Amino acid sequence: MIQITLKQLLTVAGFTLFILVIPFIAMGISDQVNWSGMDFLVAGILVSGLGMSLAIIRNGITNKGKRLIIIALVLFTFILLWLELAVGIFGSVIAGS
């Protein structure tokens, strides 16, 4: 069974919080950033899901070549999903188009 250490869990939580603080501060500085509570929730789920996925991959896959390929695929998927939610590059339903 793949286990995630407390240190990894706290690192993911801290990184997620750090990423979410950036738009929160930007909302107070500029009118161009306008996130709702749902935006923060979705971003938090995406970023923490990415972090947990990377921790599971790091702990569960010992072959460095396979690990690198899977990490690249996970990052690519995360970036595509983030871009779709942010600007709707594909025009799908999840982008609010």
PDB file of N, CA and C in Angstrom:
ATOM      1  N   MET A   1       0.837  -1.181   0.000  1.00  0.00           N
ATOM      2  CA  MET A   1       0.000   0.000   0.000  1.00  0.00           C
ATOM      3  C   MET A   1       0.882   1.244   0.000  1.00  0.00           C
ATOM      4  N   ILE A   2       0.502   2.198  -0.797  1.00  0.00           N
ATOM      5  CA  ILE A   2       1.259   3.443  -0.893  1.00  0.00           C
ATOM      6  C   ILE A   2       0.836   4.368   0.240  1.00  0.00           C
ATOM      7  N   GLN A   3       1.820   4.881   0.975  1.00  0.00           N
ATOM      8  CA  GLN A   3       1.531   5.773   2.088  1.00  0.00           C
ATOM      9  C   GLN A   3       2.116   7.150   1.815  1.00  0.00           C
ATOM     10  N   ILE A   4       1.427   8.149   2.304  1.00  0.00           N
ATOM     11  CA  ILE A   4       1.899   9.520   2.203  1.00  0.00           C
ATOM     12  C   ILE A   4       2.281   9.963   3.608  1.00  0.00           C
ATOM     13  N   THR A   5       3.462  10.523   3.748  1.00  0.00           N
ATOM     14  CA  THR A   5       3.931  10.942   5.062  1.00  0.00           C
ATOM     15  C   THR A   5       3.242  12.237   5.484  1.00  0.00           C
ATOM     16  N   LEU A   6       3.279  12.496   6.777  1.00  0.00           N
ATOM     17  CA  LEU A   6       2.714  13.734   7.304  1.00  0.00           C
ATOM     18  C   LEU A   6       3.439  14.941   6.719  1.00  0.00           C
ATOM     19  N   LYS A   7       4.742  14.821   6.547  1.00  0.00           N
ATOM     20  CA  LYS A   7       5.519  15.918   5.964  1.00  0.00           C
ATOM     21  C   LYS A   7       5.033  16.223   4.543  1.00  0.00           C
ATOM     22  N   GLN A   8       4.781  15.186   3.746  1.00  0.00           N
ATOM     23  CA  GLN A   8       4.285  15.396   2.387  1.00  0.00           C
ATOM     24  C   GLN A   8       2.895  16.026   2.413  1.00  0.00           C
ATOM     25  N   LEU A   9       2.048  15.571   3.305  1.00  0.00           N
ATOM     26  CA  LEU A   9       0.700  16.112   3.420  1.00  0.00           C
ATOM     27  C   LEU A   9       0.738  17.590   3.804  1.00  0.00           C
ATOM     28  N   LEU A  10       1.582  17.936   4.762  1.00  0.00           N
ATOM     29  CA  LEU A  10       1.706  19.334   5.175  1.00  0.00           C
ATOM     30  C   LEU A  10       2.318  20.193   4.076  1.00  0.00           C
ATOM     31  N   THR A  11       3.246  19.633   3.313  1.00  0.00           N
ATOM     32  CA  THR A  11       3.835  20.358   2.190  1.00  0.00           C
ATOM     33  C   THR A  11       2.777  20.659   1.138  1.00  0.00           C
ATOM     34  N   VAL A  12       1.954  19.685   0.820  1.00  0.00           N
ATOM     35  CA  VAL A  12       0.877  19.888  -0.164  1.00  0.00           C
ATOM     36  C   VAL A  12      -0.106  20.937   0.349  1.00  0.00           C
ATOM     37  N   ALA A  13      -0.486  20.848   1.619  1.00  0.00           N
ATOM     38  CA  ALA A  13      -1.427  21.812   2.193  1.00  0.00           C
ATOM     39  C   ALA A  13      -0.835  23.221   2.187  1.00  0.00           C
ATOM     40  N   GLY A  14       0.431  23.337   2.549  1.00  0.00           N
ATOM     41  CA  GLY A  14       1.085  24.643   2.553  1.00  0.00           C
ATOM     42  C   GLY A  14       1.207  25.238   1.167  1.00  0.00           C
ATOM     43  N   PHE A  15       1.576  24.415   0.196  1.00  0.00           N
ATOM     44  CA  PHE A  15       1.698  24.889  -1.179  1.00  0.00           C
ATOM     45  C   PHE A  15       0.336  25.310  -1.723  1.00  0.00           C
ATOM     46  N   THR A  16      -0.703  24.537  -1.423  1.00  0.00           N
ATOM     47  CA  THR A  16      -2.055  24.882  -1.865  1.00  0.00           C
ATOM     48  C   THR A  16      -2.486  26.216  -1.267  1.00  0.00           C
ATOM     49  N   LEU A  17      -2.246  26.394   0.010  1.00  0.00           N
ATOM     50  CA  LEU A  17      -2.589  27.654   0.664  1.00  0.00           C
ATOM     51  C   LEU A  17      -1.826  28.818   0.047  1.00  0.00           C
ATOM     52  N   PHE A  18      -0.539  28.621  -0.214  1.00  0.00           N
ATOM     53  CA  PHE A  18       0.279  29.670  -0.827  1.00  0.00           C
ATOM     54  C   PHE A  18      -0.279  30.073  -2.191  1.00  0.00           C
ATOM     55  N   ILE A  19      -0.633  29.087  -3.007  1.00  0.00           N
ATOM     56  CA  ILE A  19      -1.172  29.362  -4.340  1.00  0.00           C
ATOM     57  C   ILE A  19      -2.501  30.107  -4.240  1.00  0.00           C
ATOM     58  N   LEU A  20      -3.343  29.748  -3.277  1.00  0.00           N
ATOM     59  CA  LEU A  20      -4.645  30.394  -3.141  1.00  0.00           C
ATOM     60  C   LEU A  20      -4.558  31.790  -2.541  1.00  0.00           C
ATOM     61  N   VAL A  21      -3.504  32.081  -1.805  1.00  0.00           N
ATOM     62  CA  VAL A  21      -3.335  33.415  -1.232  1.00  0.00           C
ATOM     63  C   VAL A  21      -3.034  34.442  -2.326  1.00  0.00           C
ATOM     64  N   ILE A  22      -2.382  34.012  -3.399  1.00  0.00           N
ATOM     65  CA  ILE A  22      -2.011  34.942  -4.474  1.00  0.00           C
ATOM     66  C   ILE A  22      -3.240  35.623  -5.080  1.00  0.00           C
ATOM     67  N   PRO A  23      -4.264  34.886  -5.560  1.00  0.00           N
ATOM     68  CA  PRO A  23      -5.432  35.594  -6.095  1.00  0.00           C
ATOM     69  C   PRO A  23      -6.233  36.321  -5.010  1.00  0.00           C
ATOM     70  N   PHE A  24      -6.182  35.812  -3.775  1.00  0.00           N
ATOM     71  CA  PHE A  24      -6.892  36.486  -2.691  1.00  0.00           C
ATOM     72  C   PHE A  24      -6.324  37.881  -2.456  1.00  0.00           C
ATOM     73  N   ILE A  25      -5.005  37.983  -2.428  1.00  0.00           N
ATOM     74  CA  ILE A  25      -4.358  39.289  -2.267  1.00  0.00           C
ATOM     75  C   ILE A  25      -4.600  40.154  -3.500  1.00  0.00           C
ATOM     76  N   ALA A  26      -4.517  39.547  -4.675  1.00  0.00           N
ATOM     77  CA  ALA A  26      -4.731  40.295  -5.918  1.00  0.00           C
ATOM     78  C   ALA A  26      -6.138  40.878  -5.982  1.00  0.00           C
ATOM     79  N   MET A  27      -7.119  40.203  -5.398  1.00  0.00           N
ATOM     80  CA  MET A  27      -8.486  40.728  -5.390  1.00  0.00           C
ATOM     81  C   MET A  27      -8.576  42.027  -4.596  1.00  0.00           C
ATOM     82  N   GLY A  28      -7.759  42.168  -3.563  1.00  0.00           N
ATOM     83  CA  GLY A  28      -7.757  43.392  -2.773  1.00  0.00           C
ATOM     84  C   GLY A  28      -7.004  44.528  -3.429  1.00  0.00           C
ATOM     85  N   ILE A  29      -6.103  44.190  -4.339  1.00  0.00           N
ATOM     86  CA  ILE A  29      -5.276  45.199  -4.998  1.00  0.00           C
ATOM     87  C   ILE A  29      -5.900  45.680  -6.299  1.00  0.00           C
ATOM     88  N   SER A  30      -6.509  44.777  -7.042  1.00  0.00           N
ATOM     89  CA  SER A  30      -6.984  45.095  -8.387  1.00  0.00           C
ATOM     90  C   SER A  30      -8.425  44.634  -8.582  1.00  0.00           C
ATOM     91  N   ASP A  31      -9.152  45.381  -9.401  1.00  0.00           N
ATOM     92  CA  ASP A  31     -10.514  44.983  -9.750  1.00  0.00           C
ATOM     93  C   ASP A  31     -10.535  43.949 -10.867  1.00  0.00           C
ATOM     94  N   GLN A  32      -9.398  43.672 -11.476  1.00  0.00           N
ATOM     95  CA  GLN A  32      -9.337  42.729 -12.591  1.00  0.00           C
ATOM     96  C   GLN A  32      -9.367  41.277 -12.125  1.00  0.00           C
ATOM     97  N   VAL A  33      -9.063  41.038 -10.875  1.00  0.00           N
ATOM     98  CA  VAL A  33      -9.133  39.682 -10.318  1.00  0.00           C
ATOM     99  C   VAL A  33     -10.423  39.600  -9.517  1.00  0.00           C
ATOM    100  N   ASN A  34     -11.312  38.719  -9.921  1.00  0.00           N
ATOM    101  CA  ASN A  34     -12.615  38.608  -9.278  1.00  0.00           C
ATOM    102  C   ASN A  34     -12.981  37.129  -9.131  1.00  0.00           C
ATOM    103  N   TRP A  35     -12.482  36.502  -8.087  1.00  0.00           N
ATOM    104  CA  TRP A  35     -12.751  35.087  -7.844  1.00  0.00           C
ATOM    105  C   TRP A  35     -13.911  34.957  -6.863  1.00  0.00           C
ATOM    106  N   SER A  36     -14.746  33.970  -7.099  1.00  0.00           N
ATOM    107  CA  SER A  36     -15.818  33.649  -6.156  1.00  0.00           C
ATOM    108  C   SER A  36     -15.320  32.539  -5.221  1.00  0.00           C
ATOM    109  N   GLY A  37     -16.140  32.215  -4.252  1.00  0.00           N
ATOM    110  CA  GLY A  37     -15.794  31.113  -3.360  1.00  0.00           C
ATOM    111  C   GLY A  37     -15.634  29.800  -4.112  1.00  0.00           C
ATOM    112  N   MET A  38     -16.458  29.609  -5.142  1.00  0.00           N
ATOM    113  CA  MET A  38     -16.373  28.389  -5.949  1.00  0.00           C
ATOM    114  C   MET A  38     -15.040  28.326  -6.696  1.00  0.00           C
ATOM    115  N   ASP A  39     -14.548  29.473  -7.162  1.00  0.00           N
ATOM    116  CA  ASP A  39     -13.251  29.501  -7.840  1.00  0.00           C
ATOM    117  C   ASP A  39     -12.136  29.041  -6.902  1.00  0.00           C
ATOM    118  N   PHE A  40     -12.178  29.536  -5.660  1.00  0.00           N
ATOM    119  CA  PHE A  40     -11.173  29.125  -4.685  1.00  0.00           C
ATOM    120  C   PHE A  40     -11.299  27.638  -4.357  1.00  0.00           C
ATOM    121  N   LEU A  41     -12.524  27.155  -4.260  1.00  0.00           N
ATOM    122  CA  LEU A  41     -12.744  25.739  -3.971  1.00  0.00           C
ATOM    123  C   LEU A  41     -12.190  24.857  -5.086  1.00  0.00           C
ATOM    124  N   VAL A  42     -12.526  25.186  -6.323  1.00  0.00           N
ATOM    125  CA  VAL A  42     -12.057  24.385  -7.462  1.00  0.00           C
ATOM    126  C   VAL A  42     -10.537  24.447  -7.570  1.00  0.00           C
ATOM    127  N   ALA A  43      -9.963  25.640  -7.413  1.00  0.00           N
ATOM    128  CA  ALA A  43      -8.506  25.773  -7.488  1.00  0.00           C
ATOM    129  C   ALA A  43      -7.836  24.984  -6.364  1.00  0.00           C
ATOM    130  N   GLY A  44      -8.408  25.036  -5.174  1.00  0.00           N
ATOM    131  CA  GLY A  44      -7.856  24.275  -4.054  1.00  0.00           C
ATOM    132  C   GLY A  44      -7.892  22.779  -4.295  1.00  0.00           C
ATOM    133  N   ILE A  45      -8.999  22.304  -4.859  1.00  0.00           N
ATOM    134  CA  ILE A  45      -9.109  20.876  -5.174  1.00  0.00           C
ATOM    135  C   ILE A  45      -8.094  20.488  -6.240  1.00  0.00           C
ATOM    136  N   LEU A  46      -7.961  21.321  -7.275  1.00  0.00           N
ATOM    137  CA  LEU A  46      -7.010  21.016  -8.346  1.00  0.00           C
ATOM    138  C   LEU A  46      -5.567  20.998  -7.845  1.00  0.00           C
ATOM    139  N   VAL A  47      -5.183  22.028  -7.108  1.00  0.00           N
ATOM    140  CA  VAL A  47      -3.787  22.129  -6.657  1.00  0.00           C
ATOM    141  C   VAL A  47      -3.466  21.049  -5.625  1.00  0.00           C
ATOM    142  N   SER A  48      -4.367  20.827  -4.680  1.00  0.00           N
ATOM    143  CA  SER A  48      -4.093  19.780  -3.688  1.00  0.00           C
ATOM    144  C   SER A  48      -4.138  18.397  -4.336  1.00  0.00           C
ATOM    145  N   GLY A  49      -5.027  18.207  -5.295  1.00  0.00           N
ATOM    146  CA  GLY A  49      -5.065  16.937  -6.024  1.00  0.00           C
ATOM    147  C   GLY A  49      -3.782  16.687  -6.788  1.00  0.00           C
ATOM    148  N   LEU A  50      -3.245  17.746  -7.394  1.00  0.00           N
ATOM    149  CA  LEU A  50      -1.960  17.630  -8.085  1.00  0.00           C
ATOM    150  C   LEU A  50      -0.858  17.249  -7.098  1.00  0.00           C
ATOM    151  N   GLY A  51      -0.810  17.937  -5.977  1.00  0.00           N
ATOM    152  CA  GLY A  51       0.220  17.646  -4.983  1.00  0.00           C
ATOM    153  C   GLY A  51       0.132  16.237  -4.431  1.00  0.00           C
ATOM    154  N   MET A  52      -1.081  15.793  -4.134  1.00  0.00           N
ATOM    155  CA  MET A  52      -1.252  14.434  -3.623  1.00  0.00           C
ATOM    156  C   MET A  52      -0.907  13.404  -4.690  1.00  0.00           C
ATOM    157  N   SER A  53      -1.276  13.685  -5.937  1.00  0.00           N
ATOM    158  CA  SER A  53      -0.927  12.772  -7.033  1.00  0.00           C
ATOM    159  C   SER A  53       0.583  12.643  -7.167  1.00  0.00           C
ATOM    160  N   LEU A  54       1.276  13.766  -7.104  1.00  0.00           N
ATOM    161  CA  LEU A  54       2.734  13.729  -7.220  1.00  0.00           C
ATOM    162  C   LEU A  54       3.366  12.984  -6.047  1.00  0.00           C
ATOM    163  N   ALA A  55       2.808  13.151  -4.850  1.00  0.00           N
ATOM    164  CA  ALA A  55       3.333  12.427  -3.687  1.00  0.00           C
ATOM    165  C   ALA A  55       3.111  10.923  -3.836  1.00  0.00           C
ATOM    166  N   ILE A  56       1.945  10.539  -4.317  1.00  0.00           N
ATOM    167  CA  ILE A  56       1.654   9.113  -4.519  1.00  0.00           C
ATOM    168  C   ILE A  56       2.575   8.531  -5.583  1.00  0.00           C
ATOM    169  N   ILE A  57       2.769   9.271  -6.665  1.00  0.00           N
ATOM    170  CA  ILE A  57       3.664   8.808  -7.735  1.00  0.00           C
ATOM    171  C   ILE A  57       5.085   8.676  -7.202  1.00  0.00           C
ATOM    172  N   ARG A  58       5.522   9.652  -6.436  1.00  0.00           N
ATOM    173  CA  ARG A  58       6.891   9.638  -5.896  1.00  0.00           C
ATOM    174  C   ARG A  58       7.107   8.438  -4.976  1.00  0.00           C
ATOM    175  N   ASN A  59       6.114   8.131  -4.158  1.00  0.00           N
ATOM    176  CA  ASN A  59       6.251   7.026  -3.207  1.00  0.00           C
ATOM    177  C   ASN A  59       5.975   5.666  -3.830  1.00  0.00           C
ATOM    178  N   GLY A  60       5.167   5.625  -4.877  1.00  0.00           N
ATOM    179  CA  GLY A  60       4.700   4.346  -5.383  1.00  0.00           C
ATOM    180  C   GLY A  60       5.437   3.796  -6.585  1.00  0.00           C
ATOM    181  N   ILE A  61       6.141   4.632  -7.328  1.00  0.00           N
ATOM    182  CA  ILE A  61       6.808   4.168  -8.543  1.00  0.00           C
ATOM    183  C   ILE A  61       8.312   4.298  -8.348  1.00  0.00           C
ATOM    184  N   THR A  62       8.992   3.169  -8.378  1.00  0.00           N
ATOM    185  CA  THR A  62      10.431   3.178  -8.117  1.00  0.00           C
ATOM    186  C   THR A  62      11.257   3.374  -9.382  1.00  0.00           C
ATOM    187  N   ASN A  63      10.736   2.974 -10.528  1.00  0.00           N
ATOM    188  CA  ASN A  63      11.458   3.136 -11.786  1.00  0.00           C
ATOM    189  C   ASN A  63      11.451   4.616 -12.172  1.00  0.00           C
ATOM    190  N   LYS A  64      12.639   5.236 -12.216  1.00  0.00           N
ATOM    191  CA  LYS A  64      12.731   6.680 -12.445  1.00  0.00           C
ATOM    192  C   LYS A  64      12.200   7.098 -13.807  1.00  0.00           C
ATOM    193  N   GLY A  65      12.402   6.274 -14.823  1.00  0.00           N
ATOM    194  CA  GLY A  65      11.905   6.596 -16.157  1.00  0.00           C
ATOM    195  C   GLY A  65      10.387   6.631 -16.202  1.00  0.00           C
ATOM    196  N   LYS A  66       9.761   5.605 -15.630  1.00  0.00           N
ATOM    197  CA  LYS A  66       8.299   5.552 -15.580  1.00  0.00           C
ATOM    198  C   LYS A  66       7.752   6.703 -14.740  1.00  0.00           C
ATOM    199  N   ARG A  67       8.421   6.958 -13.615  1.00  0.00           N
ATOM    200  CA  ARG A  67       7.978   8.031 -12.728  1.00  0.00           C
ATOM    201  C   ARG A  67       7.999   9.375 -13.445  1.00  0.00           C
ATOM    202  N   LEU A  68       9.058   9.639 -14.195  1.00  0.00           N
ATOM    203  CA  LEU A  68       9.185  10.901 -14.917  1.00  0.00           C
ATOM    204  C   LEU A  68       8.095  11.052 -15.972  1.00  0.00           C
ATOM    205  N   ILE A  69       7.818   9.987 -16.701  1.00  0.00           N
ATOM    206  CA  ILE A  69       6.775  10.032 -17.734  1.00  0.00           C
ATOM    207  C   ILE A  69       5.403  10.267 -17.107  1.00  0.00           C
ATOM    208  N   ILE A  70       5.105   9.573 -16.026  1.00  0.00           N
ATOM    209  CA  ILE A  70       3.801   9.729 -15.380  1.00  0.00           C
ATOM    210  C   ILE A  70       3.659  11.124 -14.782  1.00  0.00           C
ATOM    211  N   ILE A  71       4.715  11.641 -14.174  1.00  0.00           N
ATOM    212  CA  ILE A  71       4.671  13.003 -13.636  1.00  0.00           C
ATOM    213  C   ILE A  71       4.434  14.009 -14.757  1.00  0.00           C
ATOM    214  N   ALA A  72       5.105  13.825 -15.887  1.00  0.00           N
ATOM    215  CA  ALA A  72       4.910  14.729 -17.026  1.00  0.00           C
ATOM    216  C   ALA A  72       3.463  14.680 -17.511  1.00  0.00           C
ATOM    217  N   LEU A  73       2.876  13.492 -17.574  1.00  0.00           N
ATOM    218  CA  LEU A  73       1.478  13.364 -18.002  1.00  0.00           C
ATOM    219  C   LEU A  73       0.519  14.016 -17.009  1.00  0.00           C
ATOM    220  N   VAL A  74       0.780  13.843 -15.726  1.00  0.00           N
ATOM    221  CA  VAL A  74      -0.067  14.458 -14.700  1.00  0.00           C
ATOM    222  C   VAL A  74       0.029  15.981 -14.779  1.00  0.00           C
ATOM    223  N   LEU A  75       1.245  16.512 -14.921  1.00  0.00           N
ATOM    224  CA  LEU A  75       1.419  17.963 -15.036  1.00  0.00           C
ATOM    225  C   LEU A  75       0.757  18.510 -16.293  1.00  0.00           C
ATOM    226  N   PHE A  76       0.900  17.801 -17.410  1.00  0.00           N
ATOM    227  CA  PHE A  76       0.278  18.221 -18.665  1.00  0.00           C
ATOM    228  C   PHE A  76      -1.246  18.257 -18.524  1.00  0.00           C
ATOM    229  N   THR A  77      -1.810  17.234 -17.903  1.00  0.00           N
ATOM    230  CA  THR A  77      -3.257  17.183 -17.681  1.00  0.00           C
ATOM    231  C   THR A  77      -3.710  18.322 -16.776  1.00  0.00           C
ATOM    232  N   PHE A  78      -2.952  18.577 -15.713  1.00  0.00           N
ATOM    233  CA  PHE A  78      -3.280  19.670 -14.797  1.00  0.00           C
ATOM    234  C   PHE A  78      -3.268  21.011 -15.525  1.00  0.00           C
ATOM    235  N   ILE A  79      -2.232  21.251 -16.320  1.00  0.00           N
ATOM    236  CA  ILE A  79      -2.121  22.526 -17.041  1.00  0.00           C
ATOM    237  C   ILE A  79      -3.267  22.690 -18.035  1.00  0.00           C
ATOM    238  N   LEU A  80      -3.594  21.637 -18.776  1.00  0.00           N
ATOM    239  CA  LEU A  80      -4.715  21.721 -19.722  1.00  0.00           C
ATOM    240  C   LEU A  80      -6.034  22.002 -19.004  1.00  0.00           C
ATOM    241  N   LEU A  81      -6.265  21.329 -17.894  1.00  0.00           N
ATOM    242  CA  LEU A  81      -7.498  21.542 -17.145  1.00  0.00           C
ATOM    243  C   LEU A  81      -7.555  22.955 -16.580  1.00  0.00           C
ATOM    244  N   TRP A  82      -6.438  23.429 -16.041  1.00  0.00           N
ATOM    245  CA  TRP A  82      -6.381  24.786 -15.483  1.00  0.00           C
ATOM    246  C   TRP A  82      -6.646  25.824 -16.574  1.00  0.00           C
ATOM    247  N   LEU A  83      -6.016  25.650 -17.732  1.00  0.00           N
ATOM    248  CA  LEU A  83      -6.238  26.581 -18.844  1.00  0.00           C
ATOM    249  C   LEU A  83      -7.687  26.560 -19.313  1.00  0.00           C
ATOM    250  N   GLU A  84      -8.272  25.397 -19.379  1.00  0.00           N
ATOM    251  CA  GLU A  84      -9.670  25.294 -19.808  1.00  0.00           C
ATOM    252  C   GLU A  84     -10.588  26.016 -18.826  1.00  0.00           C
ATOM    253  N   LEU A  85     -10.347  25.828 -17.545  1.00  0.00           N
ATOM    254  CA  LEU A  85     -11.174  26.500 -16.546  1.00  0.00           C
ATOM    255  C   LEU A  85     -10.927  28.006 -16.532  1.00  0.00           C
ATOM    256  N   ALA A  86      -9.698  28.421 -16.807  1.00  0.00           N
ATOM    257  CA  ALA A  86      -9.358  29.845 -16.752  1.00  0.00           C
ATOM    258  C   ALA A  86      -9.874  30.618 -17.959  1.00  0.00           C
ATOM    259  N   VAL A  87      -9.620  30.109 -19.156  1.00  0.00           N
ATOM    260  CA  VAL A  87      -9.946  30.888 -20.357  1.00  0.00           C
ATOM    261  C   VAL A  87     -10.775  30.132 -21.375  1.00  0.00           C
ATOM    262  N   GLY A  88     -11.061  28.873 -21.146  1.00  0.00           N
ATOM    263  CA  GLY A  88     -11.896  28.113 -22.065  1.00  0.00           C
ATOM    264  C   GLY A  88     -11.265  27.879 -23.422  1.00  0.00           C
ATOM    265  N   ILE A  89     -10.026  27.378 -23.455  1.00  0.00           N
ATOM    266  CA  ILE A  89      -9.329  27.201 -24.733  1.00  0.00           C
ATOM    267  C   ILE A  89      -9.998  26.177 -25.629  1.00  0.00           C
ATOM    268  N   PHE A  90     -10.760  25.250 -25.053  1.00  0.00           N
ATOM    269  CA  PHE A  90     -11.454  24.254 -25.863  1.00  0.00           C
ATOM    270  C   PHE A  90     -12.939  24.568 -26.009  1.00  0.00           C
ATOM    271  N   GLY A  91     -13.454  25.493 -25.213  1.00  0.00           N
ATOM    272  CA  GLY A  91     -14.864  25.852 -25.277  1.00  0.00           C
ATOM    273  C   GLY A  91     -15.796  24.782 -24.744  1.00  0.00           C
ATOM    274  N   SER A  92     -15.344  24.019 -23.765  1.00  0.00           N
ATOM    275  CA  SER A  92     -16.169  22.938 -23.219  1.00  0.00           C
ATOM    276  C   SER A  92     -17.145  23.474 -22.169  1.00  0.00           C
ATOM    277  N   VAL A  93     -17.991  22.593 -21.691  1.00  0.00           N
ATOM    278  CA  VAL A  93     -19.004  22.961 -20.709  1.00  0.00           C
ATOM    279  C   VAL A  93     -18.367  23.368 -19.380  1.00  0.00           C
ATOM    280  N   ILE A  94     -17.266  22.730 -18.996  1.00  0.00           N
ATOM    281  CA  ILE A  94     -16.661  23.029 -17.691  1.00  0.00           C
ATOM    282  C   ILE A  94     -16.063  24.424 -17.630  1.00  0.00           C
ATOM    283  N   ALA A  95     -15.813  25.039 -18.786  1.00  0.00           N
ATOM    284  CA  ALA A  95     -15.246  26.385 -18.803  1.00  0.00           C
ATOM    285  C   ALA A  95     -16.316  27.454 -18.645  1.00  0.00           C
ATOM    286  N   GLY A  96     -17.557  27.050 -18.617  1.00  0.00           N
ATOM    287  CA  GLY A  96     -18.631  28.015 -18.484  1.00  0.00           C
ATOM    288  C   GLY A  96     -19.009  28.662 -19.800  1.00  0.00           C
ATOM    289  N   SER A  97     -18.571  28.080 -20.908  1.00  0.00           N
ATOM    290  CA  SER A  97     -18.874  28.635 -22.226  1.00  0.00           C
ATOM    291  C   SER A  97     -20.293  28.291 -22.632  1.00  0.00           C
TER     292      SER A  97
END
